[in-house]
Amino acid sequence: MLLSQYRKPDGQIQIVARDGTEAFEVKTDLSLYELAMDCAAKGDTLRDRIAALGLNGAVDLEALYAAGDLLPPLLHPDPAHLHLTGTGLTHLGSASTRAAMHSKAPQDETDSMKMFRMGVEGGKPASGIGVQPEWFYKGTGHALIAPGHALTSPDCAEDGGEEPELAGLYIIGADGTPFRLGFALANEFSDHVMERQNYLYLAHSKLRPCSVGPELFIGDLPDSIEGTSKITRDGTTIFEKPFLSGEGNMSHTIANLEHHHFKYGVFCQPGDVHIHMFGTATLSFGDGIRTQNGDLFEISAPAFGLPLRNPLATTALATTPVAVRTL
């Protein structure tokens, strides 16, 4: 099952569900966040609850997409209670680009390569807790961009590059238990030029907007996911490359990545939303592509429904410092 959300003309959020080619409104006035919180409280699954609620008429998702009405599949009423985070160096083959960015000499073993090897050796434990991955913070729900809308680089950015990934979408129940709703496509969007200067700039390079959706995959994640990352400039494709995800192509299990995020009590606050991105091995930056204002990112994988499309909007580098006033 795939779930999505759009905003009606009156401002109300409407959930949409589909199991095949046609999408239908779910018979509810609740947003997916509200519905999920109620399911967690009452012990229902999303699939069972939606089946019980029933469906209304068909919806043209592509038309809603073109009109800019599709929303991220999960939002929080207060964006400050939605957390955007992720992990890196989790996919087989993901270390090569990062190591090349950070290495000073061919014989060097970078910290990125060491972290990757740790994941290969201990990221899929037969039992118990595996090695912890690289982890990063992207921001709150204020940095979450709807499908079809522009990913805007801040005026301190030196680059804006796509990162095609899968994300897990979660709510925190009333007792602090994390509940996963499902998985969605994500464009994690980072500043690779800044990161390349020094790997300690990774934290800065990740403080960028990102986009997730447009549809949420409900069910067991396939072991191997094959997708495509594409960039179009003025109607011409300038980059197109496959990407692989799913545990069969990863050095960590999803459960291990989830543990090392939700082991922190600050991330288990009742009612919060988490969108956690699981990493990638495919970057156009690694192929020498420098993105430009107006480029269109498109990330697709058949199991996840509609592609995730976002144009890039760039701004001029800041030339004056931020002034902080004294009270």
Protein backbone atom coordinates (compact mmCIF):
# COMPACT_ATOMS: atom_id res chain seq x y z
CA MET A 1 0.00 0.00 0.00
CA LEU A 2 1.11 3.54 -0.80
CA LEU A 3 -0.12 6.56 1.19
CA SER A 4 0.17 10.23 0.34
CA GLN A 5 -1.31 13.54 1.42
CA TYR A 6 -2.50 16.67 -0.32
CA ARG A 7 -3.90 19.97 0.86
CA LYS A 8 -7.44 20.84 -0.14
CA PRO A 9 -8.46 24.39 -1.12
CA ASP A 10 -9.86 24.93 2.39
CA GLY A 11 -6.47 24.05 3.89
CA GLN A 12 -7.46 20.61 5.20
CA ILE A 13 -5.01 17.74 4.74
CA GLN A 14 -6.45 14.73 2.92
CA ILE A 15 -4.92 11.22 3.06
CA VAL A 16 -4.80 9.25 -0.19
CA ALA A 17 -4.26 5.49 -0.49
CA ARG A 18 -3.57 3.15 -3.38
CA ASP A 19 -2.74 -0.52 -3.81
CA GLY A 20 -2.55 -0.40 -7.59
CA THR A 21 -2.61 2.25 -10.28
CA GLU A 22 -5.61 4.18 -8.96
CA ALA A 23 -5.50 6.38 -5.86
CA PHE A 24 -8.48 7.11 -3.62
CA GLU A 25 -9.22 9.48 -0.78
CA VAL A 26 -9.40 7.79 2.62
CA LYS A 27 -12.69 8.47 4.41
CA THR A 28 -11.27 10.55 7.23
CA ASP A 29 -10.75 14.18 8.18
CA LEU A 30 -7.55 13.25 10.01
CA SER A 31 -4.05 13.90 8.70
CA LEU A 32 -1.71 10.93 8.50
CA TYR A 33 0.01 12.16 11.66
CA GLU A 34 -3.28 12.25 13.58
CA LEU A 35 -4.34 8.87 12.22
CA ALA A 36 -1.00 7.27 13.06
CA MET A 37 -1.00 8.63 16.61
CA ASP A 38 -4.49 7.22 17.13
CA CYS A 39 -3.45 3.84 15.70
CA ALA A 40 -0.46 3.74 18.05
CA ALA A 41 -2.68 4.54 21.03
CA LYS A 42 -5.26 1.88 20.14
CA GLY A 43 -2.93 -0.86 18.86
CA ASP A 44 -4.15 -0.77 15.23
CA THR A 45 -2.06 -1.00 12.09
CA LEU A 46 -2.39 1.70 9.46
CA ARG A 47 -3.43 -0.85 6.84
CA ASP A 48 -6.22 -2.26 9.03
CA ARG A 49 -7.47 1.17 10.07
CA ILE A 50 -7.61 2.42 6.48
CA ALA A 51 -9.47 -0.73 5.44
CA ALA A 52 -11.99 -0.08 8.22
CA LEU A 53 -12.41 3.58 7.27
CA GLY A 54 -12.94 2.87 3.59
CA LEU A 55 -12.24 4.94 0.50
CA ASN A 56 -13.96 7.77 -1.36
CA GLY A 57 -13.61 8.74 -5.00
CA ALA A 58 -10.51 8.45 -7.16
CA VAL A 59 -7.79 11.13 -7.05
CA ASP A 60 -5.50 12.24 -9.87
CA LEU A 61 -2.16 12.34 -8.05
CA GLU A 62 -0.23 13.58 -11.07
CA ALA A 63 -2.59 16.54 -11.42
CA LEU A 64 -2.20 17.37 -7.73
CA TYR A 65 1.57 17.06 -8.16
CA ALA A 66 1.57 19.44 -11.12
CA ALA A 67 -0.57 21.92 -9.17
CA GLY A 68 1.86 21.88 -6.23
CA ASP A 69 -0.75 20.49 -3.82
CA LEU A 70 1.01 17.28 -2.76
CA LEU A 71 2.54 17.34 0.71
CA PRO A 72 5.24 15.27 2.35
CA PRO A 73 3.54 12.04 3.41
CA LEU A 74 4.03 12.83 7.12
CA LEU A 75 3.99 16.21 8.85
CA HIS A 76 3.69 17.47 12.42
CA PRO A 77 1.28 20.32 13.27
CA ASP A 78 4.25 22.09 14.87
CA PRO A 79 7.29 21.81 12.53
CA ALA A 80 9.63 22.21 15.53
CA HIS A 81 8.53 18.72 16.63
CA LEU A 82 9.59 17.08 13.35
CA HIS A 83 13.24 15.99 13.26
CA LEU A 84 15.24 15.43 10.06
CA THR A 85 18.26 13.18 10.55
CA GLY A 86 20.26 10.59 8.68
CA THR A 87 23.14 8.16 8.47
CA GLY A 88 26.00 7.93 6.00
CA LEU A 89 28.46 5.29 4.78
CA THR A 90 25.73 2.65 5.13
CA HIS A 91 25.60 1.33 1.57
CA LEU A 92 28.03 -1.02 -0.14
CA GLY A 93 30.09 1.18 -2.44
CA SER A 94 29.22 4.37 -0.58
CA ALA A 95 32.69 4.88 0.84
CA SER A 96 34.53 5.40 -2.44
CA THR A 97 33.12 8.86 -3.27
CA ARG A 98 33.45 10.09 0.31
CA ALA A 99 36.98 8.72 0.65
CA ALA A 100 38.00 10.42 -2.60
CA MET A 101 36.60 13.72 -1.30
CA HIS A 102 38.57 13.50 1.94
CA SER A 103 41.82 11.75 0.97
CA LYS A 104 45.05 13.71 0.60
CA ALA A 105 47.05 10.83 -0.86
CA PRO A 106 46.04 7.63 -2.67
CA GLN A 107 47.48 5.43 0.07
CA ASP A 108 45.59 7.18 2.87
CA GLU A 109 42.84 5.31 4.69
CA THR A 110 40.41 8.10 5.47
CA ASP A 111 38.16 8.27 8.49
CA SER A 112 35.28 7.71 6.07
CA MET A 113 36.79 4.43 4.89
CA LYS A 114 37.42 3.34 8.48
CA MET A 115 33.80 4.07 9.37
CA PHE A 116 32.62 2.16 6.32
CA ARG A 117 34.73 -0.87 7.23
CA MET A 118 33.30 -0.81 10.76
CA GLY A 119 29.82 -1.04 9.25
CA VAL A 120 30.74 -3.90 6.92
CA GLU A 121 32.25 -5.83 9.84
CA GLY A 122 29.66 -5.02 12.50
CA GLY A 123 26.57 -3.37 11.03
CA LYS A 124 24.57 -6.57 10.61
CA PRO A 125 24.89 -8.43 13.93
CA ALA A 126 23.39 -11.91 14.19
CA SER A 127 21.96 -10.78 17.51
CA GLY A 128 22.24 -7.83 19.85
CA ILE A 129 23.47 -4.36 18.99
CA GLY A 130 25.73 -3.70 16.03
CA VAL A 131 28.33 -0.99 15.49
CA GLN A 132 26.96 2.53 15.39
CA PRO A 133 26.94 4.35 12.03
CA GLU A 134 27.88 7.84 11.06
CA TRP A 135 24.95 10.08 12.06
CA PHE A 136 23.96 13.62 11.16
CA TYR A 137 21.27 16.19 11.85
CA LYS A 138 19.54 18.17 9.10
CA GLY A 139 17.01 20.28 10.92
CA THR A 140 13.38 20.49 11.93
CA GLY A 141 10.21 20.33 9.89
CA HIS A 142 10.93 23.88 8.73
CA ALA A 143 13.55 22.33 6.41
CA LEU A 144 11.16 19.72 4.93
CA ILE A 145 10.16 20.64 1.37
CA ALA A 146 7.09 19.23 -0.36
CA PRO A 147 7.47 17.17 -3.55
CA GLY A 148 7.56 19.43 -6.58
CA HIS A 149 8.71 22.48 -4.63
CA ALA A 150 12.17 24.01 -4.81
CA LEU A 151 15.11 22.90 -2.72
CA THR A 152 16.72 26.23 -1.91
CA SER A 153 20.37 26.48 -0.92
CA PRO A 154 20.97 29.00 1.89
CA ASP A 155 23.07 32.06 1.10
CA CYS A 156 26.07 30.48 2.86
CA ALA A 157 26.05 27.42 0.58
CA GLU A 158 28.77 26.62 -1.92
CA ASP A 159 26.89 23.80 -3.66
CA GLY A 160 23.52 22.08 -3.72
CA GLY A 161 23.70 18.42 -4.66
CA GLU A 162 21.14 15.64 -4.62
CA GLU A 163 21.42 12.50 -2.50
CA PRO A 164 18.90 9.81 -3.54
CA GLU A 165 17.94 7.82 -0.46
CA LEU A 166 15.25 5.93 1.38
CA ALA A 167 13.88 7.42 4.57
CA GLY A 168 12.03 5.84 7.46
CA LEU A 169 9.05 7.85 8.76
CA TYR A 170 8.24 7.57 12.47
CA ILE A 171 6.00 8.86 15.22
CA ILE A 172 6.68 8.59 18.94
CA GLY A 173 3.83 7.09 20.95
CA ALA A 174 2.49 8.40 24.24
CA ASP A 175 4.82 6.14 26.23
CA GLY A 176 7.93 7.10 24.21
CA THR A 177 7.85 4.08 21.88
CA PRO A 178 8.95 4.77 18.27
CA PHE A 179 6.54 3.54 15.59
CA ARG A 180 7.59 3.25 11.96
CA LEU A 181 4.82 4.13 9.51
CA GLY A 182 6.80 3.07 6.45
CA PHE A 183 9.46 4.18 3.97
CA ALA A 184 9.65 6.88 1.31
CA LEU A 185 12.01 8.23 -1.31
CA ALA A 186 14.12 11.14 -0.11
CA ASN A 187 16.41 13.74 -1.60
CA GLU A 188 18.74 14.40 1.32
CA PHE A 189 20.39 17.37 -0.49
CA SER A 190 23.81 18.44 0.77
CA ASP A 191 26.67 20.84 0.12
CA HIS A 192 29.45 18.59 -1.16
CA VAL A 193 31.82 21.43 -2.01
CA MET A 194 31.78 22.57 1.59
CA GLU A 195 32.21 19.01 2.88
CA ARG A 196 35.16 18.39 0.56
CA GLN A 197 37.17 21.21 2.17
CA ASN A 198 37.34 19.28 5.45
CA TYR A 199 35.28 16.33 6.66
CA LEU A 200 34.68 18.23 9.91
CA TYR A 201 32.46 20.50 7.81
CA LEU A 202 30.06 17.58 7.28
CA ALA A 203 27.72 18.93 9.99
CA HIS A 204 27.55 22.31 8.22
CA SER A 205 27.04 20.68 4.82
CA LYS A 206 23.98 18.77 6.04
CA LEU A 207 22.09 21.80 7.37
CA ARG A 208 20.11 22.11 4.17
CA PRO A 209 16.49 21.49 3.17
CA CYS A 210 15.41 18.06 2.00
CA SER A 211 12.36 16.52 0.37
CA VAL A 212 10.53 13.27 1.05
CA GLY A 213 7.76 11.44 -0.79
CA PRO A 214 5.51 11.87 -2.53
CA GLU A 215 4.20 8.45 -1.46
CA LEU A 216 4.80 6.38 1.66
CA PHE A 217 5.44 2.66 1.23
CA ILE A 218 3.59 0.60 3.85
CA GLY A 219 4.82 -2.94 4.38
CA ASP A 220 8.03 -4.94 4.53
CA LEU A 221 10.91 -3.22 2.78
CA PRO A 222 12.21 -5.25 -0.20
CA ASP A 223 15.71 -6.63 0.36
CA SER A 224 16.94 -4.93 -2.81
CA ILE A 225 15.59 -1.70 -4.27
CA GLU A 226 16.67 -0.45 -7.67
CA GLY A 227 16.04 3.19 -8.47
CA THR A 228 17.21 5.98 -10.74
CA SER A 229 18.60 9.42 -9.93
CA LYS A 230 18.31 11.97 -12.71
CA ILE A 231 19.07 15.67 -13.21
CA THR A 232 17.49 17.66 -16.03
CA ARG A 233 18.74 21.08 -17.14
CA ASP A 234 16.69 23.15 -19.59
CA GLY A 235 14.88 20.01 -20.71
CA THR A 236 18.05 17.99 -21.28
CA THR A 237 19.17 15.13 -19.03
CA ILE A 238 22.69 15.94 -17.78
CA PHE A 239 22.94 13.07 -15.29
CA GLU A 240 21.17 9.74 -14.98
CA LYS A 241 22.41 6.85 -12.90
CA PRO A 242 20.92 3.86 -11.07
CA PHE A 243 21.08 3.60 -7.30
CA LEU A 244 20.64 0.59 -5.05
CA SER A 245 19.19 0.44 -1.57
CA GLY A 246 17.54 -2.06 0.75
CA GLU A 247 19.39 -4.21 3.26
CA GLY A 248 20.81 -6.47 0.55
CA ASN A 249 22.84 -3.48 -0.65
CA MET A 250 23.68 -2.05 2.77
CA SER A 251 26.37 -2.61 5.37
CA HIS A 252 23.88 -2.09 8.22
CA THR A 253 20.45 -3.47 8.95
CA ILE A 254 17.59 -1.01 9.17
CA ALA A 255 17.01 -2.20 12.74
CA ASN A 256 20.60 -1.34 13.68
CA LEU A 257 20.31 2.14 12.19
CA GLU A 258 17.01 2.67 14.01
CA HIS A 259 18.47 1.52 17.31
CA HIS A 260 21.36 3.95 17.12
CA HIS A 261 18.97 6.82 16.49
CA PHE A 262 16.23 6.04 19.00
CA LYS A 263 18.65 4.95 21.75
CA TYR A 264 18.77 8.64 22.65
CA GLY A 265 15.94 9.68 24.94
CA VAL A 266 15.75 13.11 23.37
CA PHE A 267 14.47 11.39 20.21
CA CYS A 268 11.73 9.50 22.05
CA GLN A 269 9.57 12.43 23.13
CA PRO A 270 5.84 11.58 22.90
CA GLY A 271 4.12 13.02 19.85
CA ASP A 272 7.26 13.89 17.90
CA VAL A 273 7.83 12.95 14.26
CA HIS A 274 11.14 11.66 12.87
CA ILE A 275 12.23 11.35 9.26
CA HIS A 276 15.49 9.41 9.22
CA MET A 277 17.43 8.96 5.98
CA PHE A 278 19.46 5.80 5.46
CA GLY A 279 22.24 6.88 3.12
CA THR A 280 23.21 6.49 -0.53
CA ALA A 281 26.00 5.30 -2.80
CA THR A 282 25.13 7.49 -5.83
CA LEU A 283 25.98 11.18 -6.14
CA SER A 284 26.17 13.28 -9.29
CA PHE A 285 28.89 15.29 -7.54
CA GLY A 286 31.08 12.20 -7.62
CA ASP A 287 30.74 12.22 -11.42
CA GLY A 288 31.85 15.83 -11.68
CA ILE A 289 28.42 17.40 -12.03
CA ARG A 290 28.02 20.94 -10.66
CA THR A 291 24.36 21.78 -10.24
CA GLN A 292 22.87 25.11 -11.31
CA ASN A 293 19.84 27.20 -10.49
CA GLY A 294 16.76 25.64 -12.13
CA ASP A 295 18.11 22.09 -12.41
CA LEU A 296 15.41 19.50 -11.79
CA PHE A 297 16.19 16.53 -9.52
CA GLU A 298 14.16 13.36 -10.05
CA ILE A 299 14.51 10.28 -7.83
CA SER A 300 12.44 7.21 -8.67
CA ALA A 301 12.03 3.56 -7.68
CA PRO A 302 9.01 1.55 -8.93
CA ALA A 303 7.92 0.21 -5.54
CA PHE A 304 7.60 3.74 -4.14
CA GLY A 305 5.09 5.15 -6.58
CA LEU A 306 5.50 8.57 -8.12
CA PRO A 307 9.03 9.94 -8.55
CA LEU A 308 10.29 12.59 -6.14
CA ARG A 309 10.88 15.75 -8.19
CA ASN A 310 12.32 19.04 -6.93
CA PRO A 311 13.90 21.96 -8.78
CA LEU A 312 17.00 23.61 -7.37
CA ALA A 313 16.94 27.26 -6.35
CA THR A 314 20.27 28.90 -5.57
CA THR A 315 21.05 32.21 -3.90
CA ALA A 316 24.13 34.41 -3.93
CA LEU A 317 26.78 33.78 -1.30
CA ALA A 318 26.36 35.94 1.79
CA THR A 319 28.78 38.86 1.93
CA THR A 320 27.81 40.44 5.25
CA PRO A 321 27.85 38.80 8.69
CA VAL A 322 24.70 38.10 10.64
CA ALA A 323 24.18 40.83 13.23
CA VAL A 324 23.08 39.64 16.67
CA ARG A 325 21.36 42.25 18.82
CA THR A 326 21.82 42.53 22.56
CA LEU A 327 18.70 42.71 24.74
